[in-house]
Amino acid sequence: ALRQISRQVQLHRMYSAAAPAAAVSGAEKLVPPAPEGAAKPPNPKLDSIVNNIAALNLLEVAELSTLLKQKLNLPETAFAPQFAAGPARASPAEDEEEAAPKKVQTSFKVKLVKFDEKQKVALIKEVKNLLEGMNLVQAKKFVESAPTIVKEDIPKEEAEKLKEALSKAGA
């Protein structure tokens, strides 16, 4: 019985002495996160996959695509090429028109660039009324910090109304 107890005590001492060493060696394997704003180092496993895929030719890429569709049970249209053959084009002018579709601006921003010093008080009151949750002190600081953006990502009608109201107040 005494031998068993002494053996257990020796094992306990051995494991308790090894535990801090194991904790230290485990901590060495941990990698600290990258600081914010710095580029995150790529995952080596993913980096090797990307390099292998980049080395494939077009036929191998098509075969890879087919295998992925089968493995992941994806429908055929998930990886369908976007360059399907279309009707013949009549002239190069039409090509240019289709290549550069006209973009329609749907969201606008209103920016206070400058204001009339004589109408500063009226403008501060107008800004306070137009912008929700702003008191007079905040409105004063906002106006004095011109040029500044009043509102962003708003529809054209709202932007025109806001511009007109600020213009009448001296902006």
Protein backbone atom coordinates (compact mmCIF):
# COMPACT_ATOMS: atom_id res chain seq x y z
CA ALA A 1 0.00 0.00 0.00
CA LEU A 2 2.87 2.33 0.85
CA ARG A 3 4.47 1.67 -2.56
CA GLN A 4 1.20 2.53 -4.33
CA ILE A 5 0.83 5.78 -2.41
CA SER A 6 4.44 6.78 -3.06
CA ARG A 7 3.99 5.93 -6.76
CA GLN A 8 0.84 8.10 -6.94
CA VAL A 9 2.67 10.96 -5.20
CA GLN A 10 5.53 10.66 -7.73
CA LEU A 11 3.09 10.63 -10.65
CA HIS A 12 1.23 13.60 -9.21
CA ARG A 13 4.48 15.56 -8.83
CA MET A 14 5.58 14.58 -12.32
CA TYR A 15 2.29 15.68 -13.93
CA SER A 16 1.99 18.88 -11.89
CA ALA A 17 5.56 19.83 -12.90
CA ALA A 18 4.83 19.03 -16.55
CA ALA A 19 1.57 21.03 -16.63
CA PRO A 20 3.18 24.49 -16.53
CA ALA A 21 5.69 23.43 -19.18
CA ALA A 22 2.87 22.15 -21.39
CA ALA A 23 0.98 25.41 -20.93
CA VAL A 24 4.06 27.40 -21.95
CA SER A 25 4.75 25.24 -25.01
CA GLY A 26 1.06 25.49 -25.99
CA ALA A 27 1.23 29.28 -25.71
CA GLU A 28 4.20 29.37 -28.06
CA LYS A 29 2.09 27.79 -30.81
CA LEU A 30 -0.57 30.50 -30.59
CA VAL A 31 -0.24 33.25 -33.16
CA PRO A 32 -1.31 36.74 -32.08
CA PRO A 33 -3.94 38.38 -34.28
CA ALA A 34 -2.83 40.91 -36.85
CA PRO A 35 -3.23 44.54 -35.77
CA GLU A 36 -6.23 46.40 -37.14
CA GLY A 37 -5.67 48.07 -40.48
CA ALA A 38 -2.76 45.77 -41.32
CA ALA A 39 -3.11 43.14 -44.00
CA LYS A 40 -4.02 39.75 -42.55
CA PRO A 41 -1.50 37.07 -43.49
CA PRO A 42 -3.05 34.49 -45.82
CA ASN A 43 -3.93 31.05 -44.53
CA PRO A 44 -1.13 28.77 -45.83
CA LYS A 45 -3.60 26.03 -46.73
CA LEU A 46 -5.78 28.41 -48.75
CA ASP A 47 -2.75 30.08 -50.27
CA SER A 48 -1.51 26.75 -51.63
CA ILE A 49 -4.98 25.97 -53.04
CA VAL A 50 -5.10 29.35 -54.79
CA ASN A 51 -1.63 28.81 -56.24
CA ASN A 52 -2.61 25.36 -57.51
CA ILE A 53 -5.81 26.68 -59.12
CA ALA A 54 -3.95 29.58 -60.72
CA ALA A 55 -1.57 27.10 -62.36
CA LEU A 56 -4.42 25.20 -64.09
CA ASN A 57 -5.19 25.63 -67.78
CA LEU A 58 -8.69 26.33 -69.12
CA LEU A 59 -9.63 22.68 -69.63
CA GLU A 60 -8.53 21.76 -66.12
CA VAL A 61 -10.53 24.67 -64.70
CA ALA A 62 -13.64 23.43 -66.53
CA GLU A 63 -13.08 19.93 -65.13
CA LEU A 64 -12.56 21.37 -61.64
CA SER A 65 -15.81 23.29 -61.98
CA THR A 66 -17.67 20.11 -62.97
CA LEU A 67 -16.19 18.19 -60.05
CA LEU A 68 -17.13 20.94 -57.59
CA LYS A 69 -20.70 21.00 -58.90
CA GLN A 70 -20.96 17.25 -58.41
CA LYS A 71 -19.35 17.28 -54.96
CA LEU A 72 -21.38 20.22 -53.64
CA ASN A 73 -24.65 19.29 -55.43
CA LEU A 74 -24.84 22.66 -57.18
CA PRO A 75 -27.17 23.31 -60.12
CA GLU A 76 -25.66 23.66 -63.59
CA THR A 77 -26.34 27.41 -63.77
CA ALA A 78 -24.32 28.20 -60.64
CA PHE A 79 -21.04 28.31 -62.55
CA ALA A 80 -22.38 28.95 -66.06
CA PRO A 81 -20.09 31.17 -68.12
CA GLN A 82 -21.38 34.69 -68.72
CA PHE A 83 -19.94 34.96 -72.22
CA ALA A 84 -22.46 32.89 -74.15
CA ALA A 85 -22.61 33.47 -77.90
CA GLY A 86 -25.16 36.06 -78.97
CA PRO A 87 -26.45 37.48 -82.25
CA ALA A 88 -23.99 39.17 -84.61
CA ARG A 89 -23.59 42.89 -84.08
CA ALA A 90 -24.29 45.40 -86.81
CA SER A 91 -21.71 48.13 -86.20
CA PRO A 92 -18.85 49.13 -83.90
CA ALA A 93 -20.88 52.14 -82.67
CA GLU A 94 -23.44 49.76 -81.18
CA ASP A 95 -20.61 47.88 -79.48
CA GLU A 96 -19.45 51.05 -77.76
CA GLU A 97 -22.97 51.89 -76.60
CA GLU A 98 -23.52 48.44 -75.16
CA ALA A 99 -20.06 48.25 -73.62
CA ALA A 100 -20.59 51.43 -71.61
CA PRO A 101 -24.16 51.45 -70.32
CA LYS A 102 -25.25 54.77 -68.89
CA LYS A 103 -25.25 54.80 -65.11
CA VAL A 104 -28.16 56.53 -63.47
CA GLN A 105 -27.35 58.10 -60.13
CA THR A 106 -29.97 57.07 -57.58
CA SER A 107 -28.50 58.36 -54.34
CA PHE A 108 -27.20 61.84 -53.67
CA LYS A 109 -25.41 63.73 -50.94
CA VAL A 110 -25.84 67.33 -49.88
CA LYS A 111 -22.72 69.18 -48.82
CA LEU A 112 -22.52 72.52 -47.06
CA VAL A 113 -19.57 74.19 -48.78
CA LYS A 114 -19.87 77.80 -47.57
CA PHE A 115 -22.39 80.16 -46.06
CA ASP A 116 -23.18 83.85 -45.78
CA GLU A 117 -21.85 85.20 -42.47
CA LYS A 118 -24.78 87.64 -42.26
CA GLN A 119 -27.28 84.79 -42.32
CA LYS A 120 -25.35 82.44 -40.04
CA VAL A 121 -27.96 82.43 -37.26
CA ALA A 122 -30.79 81.62 -39.65
CA LEU A 123 -28.71 78.83 -41.20
CA ILE A 124 -27.95 77.35 -37.77
CA LYS A 125 -31.66 77.30 -36.94
CA GLU A 126 -32.48 75.72 -40.30
CA VAL A 127 -29.83 73.02 -39.83
CA LYS A 128 -31.21 72.30 -36.35
CA ASN A 129 -34.70 71.90 -37.80
CA LEU A 130 -33.62 69.80 -40.81
CA LEU A 131 -31.32 67.35 -39.03
CA GLU A 132 -33.00 65.22 -36.40
CA GLY A 133 -31.53 65.00 -32.92
CA MET A 134 -29.35 68.10 -33.25
CA ASN A 135 -29.43 70.91 -30.70
CA LEU A 136 -28.37 74.52 -31.29
CA VAL A 137 -24.80 74.02 -30.07
CA GLN A 138 -24.32 71.01 -32.33
CA ALA A 139 -25.89 72.86 -35.26
CA LYS A 140 -23.56 75.83 -34.68
CA LYS A 141 -20.48 73.59 -34.64
CA PHE A 142 -21.78 71.79 -37.73
CA VAL A 143 -22.25 75.02 -39.69
CA GLU A 144 -18.90 76.45 -38.59
CA SER A 145 -17.10 73.28 -39.67
CA ALA A 146 -18.05 73.89 -43.33
CA PRO A 147 -17.31 72.36 -45.81
CA THR A 148 -19.16 69.33 -44.45
CA ILE A 149 -21.67 66.77 -45.69
CA VAL A 150 -25.21 67.41 -44.48
CA LYS A 151 -26.80 64.13 -45.63
CA GLU A 152 -25.70 61.19 -47.78
CA ASP A 153 -27.45 58.45 -49.74
CA ILE A 154 -30.75 60.26 -50.12
CA PRO A 155 -33.13 60.32 -53.10
CA LYS A 156 -32.92 63.14 -55.63
CA GLU A 157 -36.18 64.80 -54.54
CA GLU A 158 -35.12 64.93 -50.89
CA ALA A 159 -31.67 66.24 -51.85
CA GLU A 160 -33.20 69.04 -53.94
CA LYS A 161 -35.57 70.04 -51.12
CA LEU A 162 -32.71 70.07 -48.62
CA LYS A 163 -30.50 72.09 -50.98
CA GLU A 164 -33.28 74.63 -51.56
CA ALA A 165 -33.98 75.01 -47.83
CA LEU A 166 -30.30 75.52 -47.02
CA SER A 167 -29.88 77.96 -49.92
CA LYS A 168 -32.76 80.08 -48.65
CA ALA A 169 -31.11 80.12 -45.19
CA GLY A 170 -27.84 81.46 -46.63
CA ALA A 171 -25.81 78.35 -47.43
